[in-house]
Structures are given as C-alpha cells and as structure tokens.
PDB file of all heavy atoms in Angstrom:
ATOM      1  N   ALA A   1     -14.370  34.576  68.763  1.00  0.00           N
ATOM      2  CA  ALA A   1     -14.945  33.812  69.881  1.00  0.00           C
ATOM      3  C   ALA A   1     -13.974  33.752  71.044  1.00  0.00           C
ATOM      4  O   ALA A   1     -14.369  33.816  72.205  1.00  0.00           O
ATOM      5  CB  ALA A   1     -15.309  32.417  69.404  1.00  0.00           C
ATOM      6  N   ALA A   2     -12.669  33.626  70.738  1.00  0.00           N
ATOM      7  CA  ALA A   2     -11.659  33.545  71.799  1.00  0.00           C
ATOM      8  C   ALA A   2     -11.170  34.917  72.236  1.00  0.00           C
ATOM      9  O   ALA A   2     -10.445  35.027  73.218  1.00  0.00           O
ATOM     10  CB  ALA A   2     -10.473  32.729  71.297  1.00  0.00           C
ATOM     11  N   ARG A   3     -11.542  35.956  71.485  1.00  0.00           N
ATOM     12  CA  ARG A   3     -11.107  37.331  71.769  1.00  0.00           C
ATOM     13  C   ARG A   3      -9.574  37.432  71.744  1.00  0.00           C
ATOM     14  O   ARG A   3      -8.960  38.110  72.547  1.00  0.00           O
ATOM     15  CB  ARG A   3     -11.655  37.804  73.115  1.00  0.00           C
ATOM     16  CG  ARG A   3     -13.167  37.860  73.178  1.00  0.00           C
ATOM     17  CD  ARG A   3     -13.676  38.143  74.576  1.00  0.00           C
ATOM     18  NE  ARG A   3     -13.151  39.394  75.109  1.00  0.00           N
ATOM     19  CZ  ARG A   3     -13.403  39.837  76.352  1.00  0.00           C
ATOM     20  NH1 ARG A   3     -14.127  39.118  77.149  1.00  0.00           N
ATOM     21  NH2 ARG A   3     -12.895  40.976  76.759  1.00  0.00           N
ATOM     22  N   ARG A   4      -8.961  36.763  70.766  1.00  0.00           N
ATOM     23  CA  ARG A   4      -7.499  36.757  70.657  1.00  0.00           C
ATOM     24  C   ARG A   4      -7.077  36.917  69.205  1.00  0.00           C
ATOM     25  O   ARG A   4      -7.192  35.994  68.415  1.00  0.00           O
ATOM     26  CB  ARG A   4      -6.903  35.468  71.249  1.00  0.00           C
ATOM     27  CG  ARG A   4      -7.108  35.326  72.741  1.00  0.00           C
ATOM     28  CD  ARG A   4      -6.603  33.994  73.243  1.00  0.00           C
ATOM     29  NE  ARG A   4      -5.178  33.817  72.998  1.00  0.00           N
ATOM     30  CZ  ARG A   4      -4.522  32.680  73.261  1.00  0.00           C
ATOM     31  NH1 ARG A   4      -5.175  31.656  73.761  1.00  0.00           N
ATOM     32  NH2 ARG A   4      -3.231  32.600  73.014  1.00  0.00           N
ATOM     33  N   THR A   5      -6.625  38.108  68.865  1.00  0.00           N
ATOM     34  CA  THR A   5      -6.214  38.376  67.486  1.00  0.00           C
ATOM     35  C   THR A   5      -5.052  37.487  67.057  1.00  0.00           C
ATOM     36  O   THR A   5      -4.932  37.144  65.878  1.00  0.00           O
ATOM     37  CB  THR A   5      -5.811  39.846  67.315  1.00  0.00           C
ATOM     38  OG1 THR A   5      -4.751  40.150  68.239  1.00  0.00           O
ATOM     39  CG2 THR A   5      -6.986  40.784  67.581  1.00  0.00           C
ATOM     40  N   GLU A   6      -4.179  37.101  68.021  1.00  0.00           N
ATOM     41  CA  GLU A   6      -2.983  36.333  67.641  1.00  0.00           C
ATOM     42  C   GLU A   6      -3.303  34.945  67.132  1.00  0.00           C
ATOM     43  O   GLU A   6      -2.459  34.284  66.534  1.00  0.00           O
ATOM     44  CB  GLU A   6      -2.006  36.248  68.819  1.00  0.00           C
ATOM     45  CG  GLU A   6      -2.482  35.455  70.013  1.00  0.00           C
ATOM     46  CD  GLU A   6      -3.225  36.284  71.037  1.00  0.00           C
ATOM     47  OE1 GLU A   6      -3.750  37.353  70.659  1.00  0.00           O
ATOM     48  OE2 GLU A   6      -3.281  35.875  72.210  1.00  0.00           O
ATOM     49  N   LEU A   7      -4.543  34.463  67.357  1.00  0.00           N
ATOM     50  CA  LEU A   7      -4.912  33.160  66.833  1.00  0.00           C
ATOM     51  C   LEU A   7      -4.919  33.133  65.301  1.00  0.00           C
ATOM     52  O   LEU A   7      -4.854  32.058  64.700  1.00  0.00           O
ATOM     53  CB  LEU A   7      -6.293  32.760  67.351  1.00  0.00           C
ATOM     54  CG  LEU A   7      -6.402  32.398  68.822  1.00  0.00           C
ATOM     55  CD1 LEU A   7      -7.823  31.948  69.152  1.00  0.00           C
ATOM     56  CD2 LEU A   7      -5.424  31.310  69.197  1.00  0.00           C
ATOM     57  N   LEU A   8      -4.955  34.307  64.695  1.00  0.00           N
ATOM     58  CA  LEU A   8      -4.960  34.373  63.243  1.00  0.00           C
ATOM     59  C   LEU A   8      -3.576  34.092  62.652  1.00  0.00           C
ATOM     60  O   LEU A   8      -3.464  33.689  61.491  1.00  0.00           O
ATOM     61  CB  LEU A   8      -5.439  35.752  62.794  1.00  0.00           C
ATOM     62  CG  LEU A   8      -6.874  36.133  63.166  1.00  0.00           C
ATOM     63  CD1 LEU A   8      -7.086  37.632  62.969  1.00  0.00           C
ATOM     64  CD2 LEU A   8      -7.856  35.343  62.343  1.00  0.00           C
ATOM     65  N   ASP A   9      -2.519  34.317  63.434  1.00  0.00           N
ATOM     66  CA  ASP A   9      -1.174  34.309  62.881  1.00  0.00           C
ATOM     67  C   ASP A   9      -0.816  32.970  62.264  1.00  0.00           C
ATOM     68  O   ASP A   9      -0.313  32.896  61.138  1.00  0.00           O
ATOM     69  CB  ASP A   9      -0.151  34.660  63.974  1.00  0.00           C
ATOM     70  CG  ASP A   9      -0.323  36.078  64.493  1.00  0.00           C
ATOM     71  OD1 ASP A   9      -1.234  36.784  63.990  1.00  0.00           O
ATOM     72  OD2 ASP A   9       0.430  36.480  65.405  1.00  0.00           O
ATOM     73  N   GLU A  10      -1.043  31.880  63.023  1.00  0.00           N
ATOM     74  CA  GLU A  10      -0.633  30.568  62.540  1.00  0.00           C
ATOM     75  C   GLU A  10      -1.394  30.192  61.268  1.00  0.00           C
ATOM     76  O   GLU A  10      -0.833  29.577  60.357  1.00  0.00           O
ATOM     77  CB  GLU A  10      -0.866  29.526  63.631  1.00  0.00           C
ATOM     78  CG  GLU A  10      -0.217  28.181  63.356  1.00  0.00           C
ATOM     79  CD  GLU A  10       1.301  28.268  63.348  1.00  0.00           C
ATOM     80  OE1 GLU A  10       1.875  29.143  64.048  1.00  0.00           O
ATOM     81  OE2 GLU A  10       1.921  27.461  62.637  1.00  0.00           O
ATOM     82  N   GLN A  11      -2.655  30.599  61.184  1.00  0.00           N
ATOM     83  CA  GLN A  11      -3.449  30.287  59.999  1.00  0.00           C
ATOM     84  C   GLN A  11      -2.936  31.053  58.789  1.00  0.00           C
ATOM     85  O   GLN A  11      -2.885  30.523  57.670  1.00  0.00           O
ATOM     86  CB  GLN A  11      -4.925  30.623  60.261  1.00  0.00           C
ATOM     87  CG  GLN A  11      -5.527  29.911  61.437  1.00  0.00           C
ATOM     88  CD  GLN A  11      -5.585  28.407  61.236  1.00  0.00           C
ATOM     89  OE1 GLN A  11      -5.574  27.931  60.114  1.00  0.00           O
ATOM     90  NE2 GLN A  11      -5.618  27.662  62.325  1.00  0.00           N
ATOM     91  N   ILE A  12      -2.513  32.305  59.010  1.00  0.00           N
ATOM     92  CA  ILE A  12      -1.956  33.094  57.907  1.00  0.00           C
ATOM     93  C   ILE A  12      -0.660  32.455  57.414  1.00  0.00           C
ATOM     94  O   ILE A  12      -0.409  32.334  56.199  1.00  0.00           O
ATOM     95  CB  ILE A  12      -1.717  34.545  58.345  1.00  0.00           C
ATOM     96  CG1 ILE A  12      -3.037  35.225  58.783  1.00  0.00           C
ATOM     97  CG2 ILE A  12      -1.074  35.348  57.204  1.00  0.00           C
ATOM     98  CD1 ILE A  12      -4.077  35.318  57.704  1.00  0.00           C
ATOM     99  N   LEU A  13       0.185  32.071  58.355  1.00  0.00           N
ATOM    100  CA  LEU A  13       1.455  31.444  57.963  1.00  0.00           C
ATOM    101  C   LEU A  13       1.213  30.148  57.203  1.00  0.00           C
ATOM    102  O   LEU A  13       1.888  29.868  56.202  1.00  0.00           O
ATOM    103  CB  LEU A  13       2.287  31.168  59.228  1.00  0.00           C
ATOM    104  CG  LEU A  13       2.780  32.415  59.980  1.00  0.00           C
ATOM    105  CD1 LEU A  13       3.433  32.008  61.295  1.00  0.00           C
ATOM    106  CD2 LEU A  13       3.752  33.216  59.134  1.00  0.00           C
ATOM    107  N   TRP A  14       0.248  29.361  57.680  1.00  0.00           N
ATOM    108  CA  TRP A  14      -0.088  28.122  56.976  1.00  0.00           C
ATOM    109  C   TRP A  14      -0.592  28.421  55.566  1.00  0.00           C
ATOM    110  O   TRP A  14      -0.219  27.752  54.600  1.00  0.00           O
ATOM    111  CB  TRP A  14      -1.153  27.335  57.756  1.00  0.00           C
ATOM    112  CG  TRP A  14      -1.593  26.098  57.034  1.00  0.00           C
ATOM    113  CD1 TRP A  14      -1.001  24.882  57.068  1.00  0.00           C
ATOM    114  CD2 TRP A  14      -2.741  25.973  56.177  1.00  0.00           C
ATOM    115  NE1 TRP A  14      -1.696  23.996  56.273  1.00  0.00           N
ATOM    116  CE2 TRP A  14      -2.773  24.639  55.710  1.00  0.00           C
ATOM    117  CE3 TRP A  14      -3.724  26.857  55.743  1.00  0.00           C
ATOM    118  CZ2 TRP A  14      -3.753  24.172  54.859  1.00  0.00           C
ATOM    119  CZ3 TRP A  14      -4.717  26.391  54.887  1.00  0.00           C
ATOM    120  CH2 TRP A  14      -4.710  25.054  54.450  1.00  0.00           C
ATOM    121  N   GLY A  15      -1.452  29.437  55.440  1.00  0.00           N
ATOM    122  CA  GLY A  15      -1.956  29.788  54.137  1.00  0.00           C
ATOM    123  C   GLY A  15      -0.869  30.169  53.152  1.00  0.00           C
ATOM    124  O   GLY A  15      -0.928  29.832  51.966  1.00  0.00           O
ATOM    125  N   ASN A  16       0.156  30.849  53.634  1.00  0.00           N
ATOM    126  CA  ASN A  16       1.256  31.230  52.760  1.00  0.00           C
ATOM    127  C   ASN A  16       2.092  30.042  52.320  1.00  0.00           C
ATOM    128  O   ASN A  16       2.764  30.107  51.293  1.00  0.00           O
ATOM    129  CB  ASN A  16       2.142  32.273  53.462  1.00  0.00           C
ATOM    130  CG  ASN A  16       1.583  33.688  53.341  1.00  0.00           C
ATOM    131  OD1 ASN A  16       1.937  34.423  52.427  1.00  0.00           O
ATOM    132  ND2 ASN A  16       0.700  34.050  54.267  1.00  0.00           N
ATOM    133  N   GLU A  17       2.073  28.970  53.105  1.00  0.00           N
ATOM    134  CA  GLU A  17       2.755  27.754  52.690  1.00  0.00           C
ATOM    135  C   GLU A  17       1.904  26.963  51.699  1.00  0.00           C
ATOM    136  O   GLU A  17       2.419  26.366  50.739  1.00  0.00           O
ATOM    137  CB  GLU A  17       3.062  26.885  53.906  1.00  0.00           C
ATOM    138  CG  GLU A  17       4.103  27.473  54.847  1.00  0.00           C
ATOM    139  CD  GLU A  17       4.385  26.560  56.037  1.00  0.00           C
ATOM    140  OE1 GLU A  17       3.736  25.503  56.120  1.00  0.00           O
ATOM    141  OE2 GLU A  17       5.210  26.943  56.866  1.00  0.00           O
ATOM    142  N   ARG A  18       0.592  26.960  51.914  1.00  0.00           N
ATOM    143  CA  ARG A  18      -0.291  26.076  51.133  1.00  0.00           C
ATOM    144  C   ARG A  18      -0.791  26.725  49.827  1.00  0.00           C
ATOM    145  O   ARG A  18      -0.827  26.087  48.790  1.00  0.00           O
ATOM    146  CB  ARG A  18      -1.498  25.697  52.008  1.00  0.00           C
ATOM    147  CG  ARG A  18      -2.521  24.814  51.299  1.00  0.00           C
ATOM    148  CD  ARG A  18      -1.940  23.423  51.041  1.00  0.00           C
ATOM    149  NE  ARG A  18      -2.855  22.589  50.288  1.00  0.00           N
ATOM    150  CZ  ARG A  18      -2.908  22.512  48.966  1.00  0.00           C
ATOM    151  NH1 ARG A  18      -2.081  23.241  48.225  1.00  0.00           N
ATOM    152  NH2 ARG A  18      -3.756  21.710  48.361  1.00  0.00           N
ATOM    153  N   GLN A  19      -1.170  27.981  49.883  1.00  0.00           N
ATOM    154  CA  GLN A  19      -1.873  28.600  48.761  1.00  0.00           C
ATOM    155  C   GLN A  19      -1.071  28.657  47.470  1.00  0.00           C
ATOM    156  O   GLN A  19      -1.656  28.496  46.389  1.00  0.00           O
ATOM    157  CB  GLN A  19      -2.331  30.020  49.147  1.00  0.00           C
ATOM    158  CG  GLN A  19      -3.446  30.044  50.170  1.00  0.00           C
ATOM    159  CD  GLN A  19      -4.801  29.739  49.547  1.00  0.00           C
ATOM    160  OE1 GLN A  19      -4.995  28.732  48.887  1.00  0.00           O
ATOM    161  NE2 GLN A  19      -5.744  30.649  49.769  1.00  0.00           N
ATOM    162  N   PRO A  20       0.259  28.886  47.513  1.00  0.00           N
ATOM    163  CA  PRO A  20       0.998  28.886  46.234  1.00  0.00           C
ATOM    164  C   PRO A  20       0.827  27.589  45.442  1.00  0.00           C
ATOM    165  O   PRO A  20       0.900  27.600  44.209  1.00  0.00           O
ATOM    166  CB  PRO A  20       2.439  29.099  46.670  1.00  0.00           C
ATOM    167  CG  PRO A  20       2.325  29.894  47.926  1.00  0.00           C
ATOM    168  CD  PRO A  20       1.123  29.317  48.620  1.00  0.00           C
ATOM    169  N   HIS A  21       0.602  26.472  46.131  1.00  0.00           N
ATOM    170  CA  HIS A  21       0.373  25.211  45.416  1.00  0.00           C
ATOM    171  C   HIS A  21      -0.940  25.229  44.661  1.00  0.00           C
ATOM    172  O   HIS A  21      -1.138  24.435  43.729  1.00  0.00           O
ATOM    173  CB  HIS A  21       0.392  24.041  46.407  1.00  0.00           C
ATOM    174  CG  HIS A  21       1.699  23.848  47.098  1.00  0.00           C
ATOM    175  ND1 HIS A  21       2.822  23.348  46.483  1.00  0.00           N
ATOM    176  CD2 HIS A  21       2.094  24.161  48.372  1.00  0.00           C
ATOM    177  CE1 HIS A  21       3.832  23.304  47.329  1.00  0.00           C
ATOM    178  NE2 HIS A  21       3.420  23.803  48.475  1.00  0.00           N
ATOM    179  N   ASP A  22      -1.864  26.124  45.069  1.00  0.00           N
ATOM    180  CA  ASP A  22      -3.130  26.262  44.375  1.00  0.00           C
ATOM    181  C   ASP A  22      -3.110  27.399  43.365  1.00  0.00           C
ATOM    182  O   ASP A  22      -4.145  27.781  42.821  1.00  0.00           O
ATOM    183  CB  ASP A  22      -4.257  26.507  45.385  1.00  0.00           C
ATOM    184  CG  ASP A  22      -4.485  25.301  46.286  1.00  0.00           C
ATOM    185  OD1 ASP A  22      -4.267  24.179  45.810  1.00  0.00           O
ATOM    186  OD2 ASP A  22      -4.865  25.506  47.455  1.00  0.00           O
ATOM    187  N   GLY A  23      -1.931  28.010  43.155  1.00  0.00           N
ATOM    188  CA  GLY A  23      -1.843  29.121  42.213  1.00  0.00           C
ATOM    189  C   GLY A  23      -2.135  30.466  42.806  1.00  0.00           C
ATOM    190  O   GLY A  23      -2.339  31.448  42.066  1.00  0.00           O
ATOM    191  N   VAL A  24      -2.192  30.574  44.132  1.00  0.00           N
ATOM    192  CA  VAL A  24      -2.476  31.847  44.807  1.00  0.00           C
ATOM    193  C   VAL A  24      -1.167  32.346  45.437  1.00  0.00           C
ATOM    194  O   VAL A  24      -0.646  31.746  46.375  1.00  0.00           O
ATOM    195  CB  VAL A  24      -3.556  31.672  45.895  1.00  0.00           C
ATOM    196  CG1 VAL A  24      -3.814  33.023  46.584  1.00  0.00           C
ATOM    197  CG2 VAL A  24      -4.835  31.139  45.280  1.00  0.00           C
ATOM    198  N   LEU A  25      -0.649  33.440  44.920  1.00  0.00           N
ATOM    199  CA  LEU A  25       0.592  33.992  45.427  1.00  0.00           C
ATOM    200  C   LEU A  25       0.364  34.826  46.678  1.00  0.00           C
ATOM    201  O   LEU A  25      -0.757  35.316  46.913  1.00  0.00           O
ATOM    202  CB  LEU A  25       1.262  34.841  44.341  1.00  0.00           C
ATOM    203  CG  LEU A  25       1.612  34.121  43.035  1.00  0.00           C
ATOM    204  CD1 LEU A  25       2.243  35.090  42.044  1.00  0.00           C
ATOM    205  CD2 LEU A  25       2.532  32.950  43.309  1.00  0.00           C
ATOM    206  N   PRO A  26       1.402  35.020  47.496  1.00  0.00           N
ATOM    207  CA  PRO A  26       1.235  35.855  48.696  1.00  0.00           C
ATOM    208  C   PRO A  26       0.709  37.268  48.391  1.00  0.00           C
ATOM    209  O   PRO A  26      -0.059  37.818  49.162  1.00  0.00           O
ATOM    210  CB  PRO A  26       2.656  35.902  49.269  1.00  0.00           C
ATOM    211  CG  PRO A  26       3.283  34.616  48.839  1.00  0.00           C
ATOM    212  CD  PRO A  26       2.736  34.378  47.465  1.00  0.00           C
ATOM    213  N   GLU A  27       1.122  37.837  47.241  1.00  0.00           N
ATOM    214  CA  GLU A  27       0.620  39.172  46.875  1.00  0.00           C
ATOM    215  C   GLU A  27      -0.881  39.135  46.610  1.00  0.00           C
ATOM    216  O   GLU A  27      -1.602  40.093  46.936  1.00  0.00           O
ATOM    217  CB  GLU A  27       1.365  39.657  45.625  1.00  0.00           C
ATOM    218  CG  GLU A  27       2.835  39.966  45.846  1.00  0.00           C
ATOM    219  CD  GLU A  27       3.714  38.729  45.799  1.00  0.00           C
ATOM    220  OE1 GLU A  27       3.190  37.590  45.600  1.00  0.00           O
ATOM    221  OE2 GLU A  27       4.934  38.879  46.002  1.00  0.00           O
ATOM    222  N   HIS A  28      -1.338  38.016  46.017  1.00  0.00           N
ATOM    223  CA  HIS A  28      -2.780  37.871  45.774  1.00  0.00           C
ATOM    224  C   HIS A  28      -3.531  37.769  47.098  1.00  0.00           C
ATOM    225  O   HIS A  28      -4.617  38.340  47.264  1.00  0.00           O
ATOM    226  CB  HIS A  28      -3.052  36.617  44.934  1.00  0.00           C
ATOM    227  CG  HIS A  28      -2.390  36.628  43.605  1.00  0.00           C
ATOM    228  ND1 HIS A  28      -2.172  35.482  42.867  1.00  0.00           N
ATOM    229  CD2 HIS A  28      -1.854  37.648  42.872  1.00  0.00           C
ATOM    230  CE1 HIS A  28      -1.559  35.787  41.737  1.00  0.00           C
ATOM    231  NE2 HIS A  28      -1.348  37.101  41.716  1.00  0.00           N
TER     232      HIS A  28
END
C-alpha cells in the first residue's frame, strides 16, 4: 500500500526477536 519495500525490515527484525520465544527459530 505504501509502495516501500523497506517497511518490511523492522517487522522482520521484530519477528526474529519474538518468534524464538514461541519455538520458531530464525532458520524456520
């Protein structure tokens, strides 16, 4: 919607901090 690929970056970084607590590793 914003036509900006870089908006994904912060969400990916956040996911890598949060997901391991749910049992999801970065490789997964």
